[in-house]
Amino acid sequence: MKAKRTRQYYWMLFYELYNEYRGYYPIPVYLCSLITFSLLLYLSFNYLHFLVSTTLIDFTKIITPIDPHTRKVRGMSVEDKKLKYREFNYLKPETLTYEKRTYFNNIEILFRLRKRPRPQALLLIFHGCGRSAHDWFHTIERQRIIGAALELGYGCLVFQATDDFTHCWSNNPDVHQNIDAQMVLKGLEGFYKEFPHLEALPRFTFGASSGGIFSSIFVTNQRYSIQGQTLFISIILPEILEKHIKAKSYPVTAWIYMLRDLEFASEDRINASMRMFAREKIHHKSFIIEPIGLSRTTFHERIPTIRKETARYIYYRLEQNGWLGPYNHLRYNPRRRTVWQEFLFTPNNSTMETKEVLQNLNENKQYIPDFLNTVYGEHEISFERSYEALKWHRKIYHNRGNPPK
């Protein structure tokens, strides 16, 4: 009985204590939960920050899409990957030497002819607005276009627009009234007097942007016939389409355009022109340049003077500041959103930069804006697809029964 009463006593005591303090037990439980949650939140802060920021960016992109054409892309073409430059080493740009002549007092032509074998055709090159003929021998992307042309047997002649202020070409559709067209014709006259054996070679043109519009006009000249033209990020003027395409008096045309170029040289405008070519049975073709998916070495691969460490730094800063989207494409247009100039070139002690990296970055500062535009893929020079377009022209010309000279 004593043992039984003892057990009853303890049960009654426990029950009395439970009734007295049962209102207080959630406090330590809540306190422990709060401490545990705070610890987990502290440990996962960086991940949560990344998750939230990424979600917000993606949500913003859904509401206002940056680019309706964004998709996983095939990358650089096989032709571009395998291209070898036997005439010069683009990793050593100084090996792309050229000659310069001035005819009739002020018409300057820069040119590079194949050493061996002799050129089989001539390629007349017209730069874009704000550029110059010299750029084609002193900037990597343009040099590689020259190299592709030389590899295919073209001799390259580069002309300079007469407008010394804008460096844009005249867009007067009447070739007889076009001051730049008359300048090029006069320049060719002087060139052929010096190199008469080259006059019989077929002529092709390569025009970039404003130079492309000019090319679309110049090819209508009757003095020095043009066998084909490549329009790089450019279009054919409506007046030319109406007058010459419908008359079937227009040369073979290839377009190279950029996927994100939704305004000037858009895919829709080029397709509309190609439909007219198809109706009139004029040979034509288009080659697309897609946005570049960045890797940690892209800037080094495309601009050899940028070291690998600097290329990794550029990639890291773009990634850190939210500029890399799906498939590592640039989210923002570097022409319209220029904050990259601040975070890329402003030292930040919390990042991985060193004195050598920053020095190398500043040594190449003049090349980076253009290449960022190329990476974004809207309206900028790129060597991609040029080899294919020029090779296609050569094939069409030879298939018409014109053997190599």
Protein backbone atom coordinates (compact mmCIF):
# COMPACT_ATOMS: atom_id res chain seq x y z
CA MET A 1 0.00 0.00 0.00
CA LYS A 2 2.93 2.28 0.78
CA ALA A 3 4.41 1.71 -2.66
CA LYS A 4 1.04 2.28 -4.27
CA ARG A 5 0.52 5.52 -2.37
CA THR A 6 4.00 6.65 -3.41
CA ARG A 7 3.23 6.13 -7.04
CA GLN A 8 -0.06 7.97 -6.69
CA TYR A 9 1.72 10.77 -4.87
CA TYR A 10 4.24 11.28 -7.66
CA TRP A 11 1.58 11.14 -10.34
CA MET A 12 -0.46 13.76 -8.49
CA LEU A 13 2.65 15.94 -8.05
CA PHE A 14 3.50 15.70 -11.75
CA TYR A 15 -0.09 16.52 -12.68
CA GLU A 16 -0.12 19.57 -10.37
CA LEU A 17 3.19 20.82 -11.83
CA TYR A 18 1.97 20.21 -15.38
CA ASN A 19 -1.24 22.16 -14.72
CA GLU A 20 0.73 24.98 -13.16
CA TYR A 21 3.38 25.38 -15.88
CA ARG A 22 1.74 24.02 -19.02
CA GLY A 23 1.12 27.56 -20.28
CA TYR A 24 4.86 28.26 -20.37
CA TYR A 25 6.34 25.30 -22.31
CA PRO A 26 5.87 26.84 -25.83
CA ILE A 27 8.36 29.60 -24.96
CA PRO A 28 11.53 27.47 -25.00
CA VAL A 29 10.21 25.57 -28.03
CA TYR A 30 9.64 28.80 -29.92
CA LEU A 31 13.03 30.10 -28.80
CA CYS A 32 14.84 27.00 -30.05
CA SER A 33 12.94 27.15 -33.33
CA LEU A 34 13.87 30.80 -33.79
CA ILE A 35 17.55 30.10 -33.14
CA THR A 36 17.54 27.14 -35.54
CA PHE A 37 15.78 29.12 -38.29
CA SER A 38 18.16 32.07 -37.87
CA LEU A 39 21.14 29.78 -38.17
CA LEU A 40 19.81 28.14 -41.32
CA LEU A 41 18.98 31.53 -42.82
CA TYR A 42 22.49 32.80 -42.05
CA LEU A 43 24.16 29.73 -43.58
CA SER A 44 22.06 29.85 -46.76
CA PHE A 45 21.97 33.62 -47.25
CA ASN A 46 24.10 33.64 -50.40
CA TYR A 47 22.02 30.91 -52.01
CA LEU A 48 18.75 32.63 -51.13
CA HIS A 49 20.07 35.93 -52.48
CA PHE A 50 21.03 34.26 -55.76
CA LEU A 51 17.70 32.45 -55.99
CA VAL A 52 15.61 35.55 -55.34
CA SER A 53 17.60 37.77 -57.70
CA THR A 54 17.52 35.17 -60.47
CA THR A 55 13.78 34.70 -60.03
CA LEU A 56 13.16 38.43 -60.18
CA ILE A 57 15.28 38.81 -63.31
CA ASP A 58 13.51 35.93 -65.04
CA PHE A 59 10.12 37.29 -63.99
CA THR A 60 11.06 40.71 -65.39
CA LYS A 61 12.17 39.05 -68.60
CA ILE A 62 8.78 37.33 -68.91
CA ILE A 63 6.94 40.63 -68.46
CA THR A 64 9.26 42.58 -70.84
CA PRO A 65 11.24 40.06 -72.90
CA ILE A 66 14.71 41.30 -73.84
CA ASP A 67 14.84 39.33 -77.05
CA PRO A 68 12.02 37.36 -78.63
CA HIS A 69 14.58 35.32 -80.58
CA THR A 70 16.56 34.11 -77.54
CA ARG A 71 17.09 30.39 -77.79
CA LYS A 72 19.80 27.80 -77.48
CA VAL A 73 22.07 28.23 -80.49
CA ARG A 74 24.41 26.05 -82.45
CA GLY A 75 27.49 28.18 -81.81
CA MET A 76 30.21 28.95 -84.34
CA SER A 77 29.88 27.18 -87.68
CA VAL A 78 32.13 24.26 -88.57
CA GLU A 79 33.55 26.29 -91.47
CA ASP A 80 34.65 29.08 -89.12
CA LYS A 81 36.11 26.64 -86.59
CA LYS A 82 38.23 24.86 -89.17
CA LEU A 83 39.34 27.94 -91.09
CA LYS A 84 43.12 28.19 -91.43
CA TYR A 85 44.84 31.39 -92.49
CA ARG A 86 47.81 30.57 -94.66
CA GLU A 87 48.34 34.11 -95.91
CA PHE A 88 48.80 35.62 -92.45
CA ASN A 89 48.69 34.69 -88.77
CA TYR A 90 45.78 36.49 -87.11
CA LEU A 91 47.34 35.75 -83.71
CA LYS A 92 50.06 38.13 -84.88
CA PRO A 93 48.08 40.90 -86.59
CA GLU A 94 51.23 42.65 -87.78
CA THR A 95 51.66 39.85 -90.33
CA LEU A 96 48.66 41.15 -92.30
CA THR A 97 50.61 43.68 -94.30
CA TYR A 98 49.03 45.78 -97.04
CA GLU A 99 49.89 48.35 -99.66
CA LYS A 100 48.44 51.80 -100.16
CA ARG A 101 48.00 53.83 -103.31
CA THR A 102 46.55 57.28 -103.92
CA TYR A 103 45.12 57.94 -107.36
CA PHE A 104 44.05 61.24 -108.91
CA ASN A 105 45.41 63.18 -105.92
CA ASN A 106 42.94 62.06 -103.24
CA ILE A 107 41.47 58.59 -103.93
CA GLU A 108 43.10 56.19 -101.52
CA ILE A 109 42.97 52.41 -101.88
CA LEU A 110 44.39 49.97 -99.36
CA PHE A 111 44.94 46.52 -100.78
CA ARG A 112 46.35 43.09 -100.11
CA LEU A 113 46.83 40.61 -102.95
CA ARG A 114 47.50 36.92 -102.55
CA LYS A 115 51.16 36.03 -102.80
CA ARG A 116 50.73 32.54 -104.24
CA PRO A 117 48.88 31.55 -106.19
CA ARG A 118 47.82 34.78 -107.83
CA PRO A 119 44.34 36.15 -106.98
CA GLN A 120 41.41 34.65 -108.87
CA ALA A 121 38.99 37.50 -108.14
CA LEU A 122 38.90 40.92 -106.54
CA LEU A 123 36.85 41.85 -103.48
CA LEU A 124 35.95 45.53 -103.11
CA ILE A 125 35.33 46.31 -99.44
CA PHE A 126 33.29 49.21 -98.06
CA HIS A 127 33.40 50.03 -94.32
CA GLY A 128 30.53 51.13 -92.08
CA CYS A 129 29.67 54.57 -90.65
CA GLY A 130 32.24 56.01 -88.28
CA ARG A 131 34.86 53.57 -89.54
CA SER A 132 37.71 53.76 -91.99
CA ALA A 133 39.49 51.67 -94.59
CA HIS A 134 42.42 51.25 -92.17
CA ASP A 135 40.19 49.38 -89.69
CA TRP A 136 40.17 46.40 -92.04
CA PHE A 137 43.85 45.80 -91.42
CA HIS A 138 44.00 46.84 -87.76
CA THR A 139 41.03 45.23 -85.95
CA ILE A 140 40.86 41.49 -85.32
CA GLU A 141 37.36 40.71 -86.61
CA ARG A 142 37.90 42.62 -89.88
CA GLN A 143 41.36 41.16 -90.33
CA ARG A 144 39.89 37.69 -90.17
CA ILE A 145 37.39 38.58 -92.89
CA ILE A 146 40.33 39.74 -95.04
CA GLY A 147 42.09 36.47 -94.18
CA ALA A 148 39.06 34.40 -95.21
CA ALA A 149 38.91 36.24 -98.54
CA LEU A 150 42.62 35.72 -99.21
CA GLU A 151 42.26 32.05 -98.35
CA LEU A 152 39.55 31.70 -101.01
CA GLY A 153 41.59 33.41 -103.71
CA TYR A 154 40.29 36.98 -103.54
CA GLY A 155 42.53 40.02 -103.71
CA CYS A 156 41.16 42.66 -101.31
CA LEU A 157 40.75 46.35 -102.16
CA VAL A 158 39.45 48.57 -99.36
CA PHE A 159 37.99 52.01 -100.10
CA GLN A 160 37.36 55.06 -97.91
CA ALA A 161 34.07 57.02 -98.03
CA THR A 162 34.38 60.66 -99.10
CA ASP A 163 32.45 62.02 -96.09
CA ASP A 164 35.22 63.01 -93.67
CA PHE A 165 32.78 63.83 -90.86
CA THR A 166 30.45 60.81 -90.53
CA HIS A 167 32.49 58.40 -92.68
CA CYS A 168 29.17 57.16 -94.05
CA TRP A 169 28.72 56.30 -97.71
CA SER A 170 26.40 58.17 -100.05
CA ASN A 171 23.00 56.49 -100.40
CA ASN A 172 21.97 58.30 -103.58
CA PRO A 173 20.38 55.46 -105.60
CA ASP A 174 21.48 56.99 -108.92
CA VAL A 175 24.98 55.62 -109.44
CA HIS A 176 25.77 58.49 -111.82
CA GLN A 177 24.91 61.09 -109.17
CA ASN A 178 26.44 59.16 -106.27
CA ILE A 179 29.68 60.91 -105.31
CA ASP A 180 31.15 57.82 -103.67
CA ALA A 181 30.29 55.56 -106.59
CA GLN A 182 32.10 57.92 -108.97
CA MET A 183 35.07 58.03 -106.59
CA VAL A 184 35.34 54.21 -106.50
CA LEU A 185 35.05 53.97 -110.29
CA LYS A 186 37.81 56.55 -110.68
CA GLY A 187 39.93 54.75 -108.11
CA LEU A 188 39.56 51.46 -109.97
CA GLU A 189 40.61 53.20 -113.16
CA GLY A 190 43.86 54.29 -111.53
CA PHE A 191 44.40 50.88 -109.94
CA TYR A 192 43.97 49.04 -113.24
CA LYS A 193 46.41 51.37 -114.97
CA GLU A 194 49.02 50.28 -112.44
CA PHE A 195 47.93 46.61 -112.40
CA PRO A 196 46.45 45.97 -115.87
CA HIS A 197 46.64 42.17 -115.51
CA LEU A 198 44.02 42.35 -112.71
CA GLU A 199 41.31 44.12 -114.71
CA ALA A 200 40.08 40.89 -116.29
CA LEU A 201 39.44 39.28 -112.92
CA PRO A 202 35.80 39.00 -111.71
CA ARG A 203 34.81 41.59 -109.13
CA PHE A 204 32.76 41.09 -105.97
CA THR A 205 31.82 43.51 -103.18
CA PHE A 206 31.60 43.27 -99.40
CA GLY A 207 29.77 46.13 -97.68
CA ALA A 208 29.18 46.53 -93.94
CA SER A 209 26.15 48.51 -92.72
CA SER A 210 26.32 51.87 -94.56
CA GLY A 211 28.88 50.25 -96.85
CA GLY A 212 26.32 47.54 -97.61
CA ILE A 213 23.73 50.07 -98.74
CA PHE A 214 26.41 51.68 -100.89
CA SER A 215 27.32 48.28 -102.34
CA SER A 216 23.69 47.69 -103.28
CA ILE A 217 23.90 50.88 -105.36
CA PHE A 218 27.42 50.49 -106.74
CA VAL A 219 26.75 47.02 -108.18
CA THR A 220 24.39 48.64 -110.70
CA ASN A 221 27.25 50.48 -112.42
CA GLN A 222 27.87 49.52 -116.05
CA ARG A 223 31.56 50.39 -116.25
CA TYR A 224 33.06 47.71 -114.01
CA SER A 225 30.57 44.88 -113.70
CA ILE A 226 30.11 43.19 -110.32
CA GLN A 227 29.58 39.42 -110.23
CA GLY A 228 28.20 39.24 -106.69
CA GLN A 229 27.89 41.13 -103.43
CA THR A 230 27.88 40.33 -99.72
CA LEU A 231 25.79 42.64 -97.55
CA PHE A 232 26.92 42.48 -93.94
CA ILE A 233 24.28 43.69 -91.43
CA SER A 234 22.79 45.75 -94.25
CA ILE A 235 19.94 45.97 -96.75
CA ILE A 236 19.12 46.88 -100.33
CA LEU A 237 17.36 50.20 -100.82
CA PRO A 238 13.70 49.90 -101.93
CA GLU A 239 14.46 52.07 -105.00
CA ILE A 240 17.10 49.59 -106.11
CA LEU A 241 14.80 46.63 -105.51
CA GLU A 242 12.04 48.15 -107.57
CA LYS A 243 14.21 49.30 -110.45
CA HIS A 244 16.88 46.64 -110.84
CA ILE A 245 15.61 43.42 -109.24
CA LYS A 246 12.42 43.42 -111.26
CA ALA A 247 14.45 44.13 -114.38
CA LYS A 248 16.62 41.11 -113.55
CA SER A 249 19.71 43.28 -113.91
CA TYR A 250 21.18 42.62 -110.50
CA PRO A 251 24.07 40.44 -109.32
CA VAL A 252 24.07 37.43 -107.02
CA THR A 253 23.61 38.59 -103.41
CA ALA A 254 24.42 37.11 -100.01
CA TRP A 255 23.30 38.60 -96.71
CA ILE A 256 25.06 38.13 -93.38
CA TYR A 257 22.87 39.40 -90.56
CA MET A 258 22.62 39.26 -86.78
CA LEU A 259 19.73 37.58 -85.00
CA ARG A 260 19.09 40.43 -82.57
CA ASP A 261 19.17 43.14 -85.24
CA LEU A 262 15.45 43.89 -85.12
CA GLU A 263 15.55 47.35 -86.67
CA PHE A 264 17.96 48.19 -89.51
CA ALA A 265 19.06 44.88 -91.05
CA SER A 266 16.37 42.68 -89.54
CA GLU A 267 15.62 39.13 -90.58
CA ASP A 268 12.14 40.19 -91.74
CA ARG A 269 13.48 42.90 -94.07
CA ILE A 270 16.09 40.57 -95.53
CA ASN A 271 13.54 37.80 -96.05
CA ALA A 272 11.27 40.26 -97.87
CA SER A 273 14.12 41.12 -100.25
CA MET A 274 14.96 37.47 -100.79
CA ARG A 275 11.36 36.75 -101.79
CA MET A 276 11.76 39.29 -104.58
CA PHE A 277 15.02 37.64 -105.64
CA ALA A 278 13.29 34.25 -105.67
CA ARG A 279 10.45 35.54 -107.88
CA GLU A 280 12.97 36.89 -110.38
CA LYS A 281 15.17 33.78 -110.13
CA ILE A 282 18.28 35.66 -108.98
CA HIS A 283 20.71 33.64 -106.87
CA HIS A 284 20.65 34.67 -103.23
CA LYS A 285 21.39 33.30 -99.78
CA SER A 286 21.48 34.46 -96.17
CA PHE A 287 23.83 33.59 -93.32
CA ILE A 288 22.86 34.24 -89.73
CA ILE A 289 25.15 35.27 -86.88
CA GLU A 290 23.70 34.33 -83.52
CA PRO A 291 24.50 35.82 -80.09
CA ILE A 292 27.65 34.43 -78.55
CA GLY A 293 27.28 32.25 -75.47
CA LEU A 294 30.21 33.41 -73.36
CA SER A 295 32.73 31.07 -71.78
CA ARG A 296 35.55 32.04 -69.42
CA THR A 297 37.98 32.18 -72.36
CA THR A 298 35.87 33.80 -75.10
CA PHE A 299 37.47 37.24 -74.84
CA HIS A 300 40.94 35.70 -75.09
CA GLU A 301 39.97 33.55 -78.07
CA ARG A 302 38.51 36.45 -80.05
CA ILE A 303 40.97 39.15 -78.90
CA PRO A 304 44.34 37.40 -78.51
CA THR A 305 45.93 40.38 -76.73
CA ILE A 306 43.51 39.80 -73.83
CA ARG A 307 45.11 37.19 -71.59
CA LYS A 308 43.20 34.20 -70.24
CA GLU A 309 43.23 35.60 -66.69
CA THR A 310 41.71 38.86 -67.96
CA ALA A 311 39.08 36.97 -69.98
CA ARG A 312 38.07 35.06 -66.82
CA TYR A 313 37.87 38.33 -64.91
CA ILE A 314 35.56 39.88 -67.57
CA TYR A 315 33.34 36.79 -67.48
CA TYR A 316 33.22 36.85 -63.66
CA ARG A 317 32.27 40.54 -63.51
CA LEU A 318 29.51 40.11 -66.11
CA GLU A 319 28.19 37.09 -64.22
CA GLN A 320 28.46 38.82 -60.83
CA ASN A 321 26.45 41.81 -62.06
CA GLY A 322 23.64 39.75 -63.59
CA TRP A 323 24.54 40.30 -67.23
CA LEU A 324 24.61 36.63 -68.26
CA GLY A 325 21.28 35.10 -69.18
CA PRO A 326 20.22 31.71 -70.57
CA TYR A 327 23.06 29.89 -72.34
CA ASN A 328 25.41 32.67 -71.15
CA HIS A 329 24.10 35.22 -73.66
CA LEU A 330 24.26 38.87 -72.63
CA ARG A 331 20.93 39.89 -71.12
CA TYR A 332 21.29 43.56 -71.99
CA ASN A 333 22.29 45.55 -75.04
CA PRO A 334 25.69 47.09 -74.17
CA ARG A 335 24.93 50.11 -76.38
CA ARG A 336 21.76 50.98 -74.49
CA ARG A 337 22.69 49.91 -70.99
CA THR A 338 26.21 51.15 -70.30
CA VAL A 339 26.68 50.33 -66.61
CA TRP A 340 29.20 47.65 -67.71
CA GLN A 341 31.69 50.48 -68.21
CA GLU A 342 31.57 51.15 -64.49
CA PHE A 343 31.66 47.67 -63.01
CA LEU A 344 34.13 46.29 -65.57
CA PHE A 345 36.78 48.98 -65.33
CA THR A 346 36.33 50.08 -61.71
CA PRO A 347 38.51 48.09 -59.27
CA ASN A 348 36.64 46.20 -56.57
CA ASN A 349 38.68 44.74 -53.73
CA SER A 350 36.12 42.00 -53.10
CA THR A 351 36.68 40.50 -56.54
CA MET A 352 39.52 38.45 -57.97
CA GLU A 353 41.30 41.15 -59.97
CA THR A 354 45.03 41.74 -59.71
CA LYS A 355 47.21 44.58 -60.86
CA GLU A 356 48.29 42.65 -63.96
CA VAL A 357 44.70 41.81 -64.93
CA LEU A 358 43.55 45.41 -64.61
CA GLN A 359 46.55 46.61 -66.61
CA ASN A 360 45.83 44.11 -69.40
CA LEU A 361 42.15 45.09 -69.31
CA ASN A 362 42.98 48.76 -69.80
CA GLU A 363 45.48 47.96 -72.56
CA ASN A 364 42.58 46.44 -74.52
CA LYS A 365 39.96 48.96 -73.48
CA GLN A 366 39.42 50.24 -77.03
CA TYR A 367 38.47 46.75 -78.32
CA ILE A 368 36.01 45.72 -75.62
CA PRO A 369 32.97 47.94 -76.50
CA ASP A 370 32.81 46.66 -80.09
CA PHE A 371 33.27 43.06 -79.05
CA LEU A 372 30.54 43.32 -76.41
CA ASN A 373 28.25 44.45 -79.25
CA THR A 374 29.40 41.45 -81.27
CA VAL A 375 28.71 39.15 -78.32
CA TYR A 376 25.22 40.59 -77.90
CA GLY A 377 24.66 40.12 -81.63
CA GLU A 378 22.69 43.15 -82.76
CA HIS A 379 24.63 45.32 -85.25
CA GLU A 380 28.39 44.94 -85.14
CA ILE A 381 31.27 43.50 -87.13
CA SER A 382 32.05 39.80 -86.74
CA PHE A 383 34.20 37.52 -88.86
CA GLU A 384 31.67 34.68 -88.58
CA ARG A 385 30.00 33.35 -91.75
CA SER A 386 32.09 35.56 -94.08
CA TYR A 387 34.16 32.62 -95.30
CA GLU A 388 30.98 30.69 -96.11
CA ALA A 389 29.39 33.62 -97.95
CA LEU A 390 32.49 34.31 -100.03
CA LYS A 391 32.92 30.61 -100.78
CA TRP A 392 29.28 30.45 -101.90
CA HIS A 393 29.87 33.36 -104.29
CA ARG A 394 32.87 31.61 -105.79
CA LYS A 395 30.86 28.41 -106.25
CA ILE A 396 27.96 30.21 -107.98
CA TYR A 397 30.35 32.03 -110.29
CA HIS A 398 32.18 28.85 -111.29
CA ASN A 399 28.91 26.92 -111.76
CA ARG A 400 27.88 29.49 -114.35
CA GLY A 401 30.69 28.24 -116.56
CA ASN A 402 33.34 30.72 -115.51
CA PRO A 403 36.55 28.80 -114.78
CA PRO A 404 39.12 30.22 -112.33
CA LYS A 405 41.47 32.74 -113.92
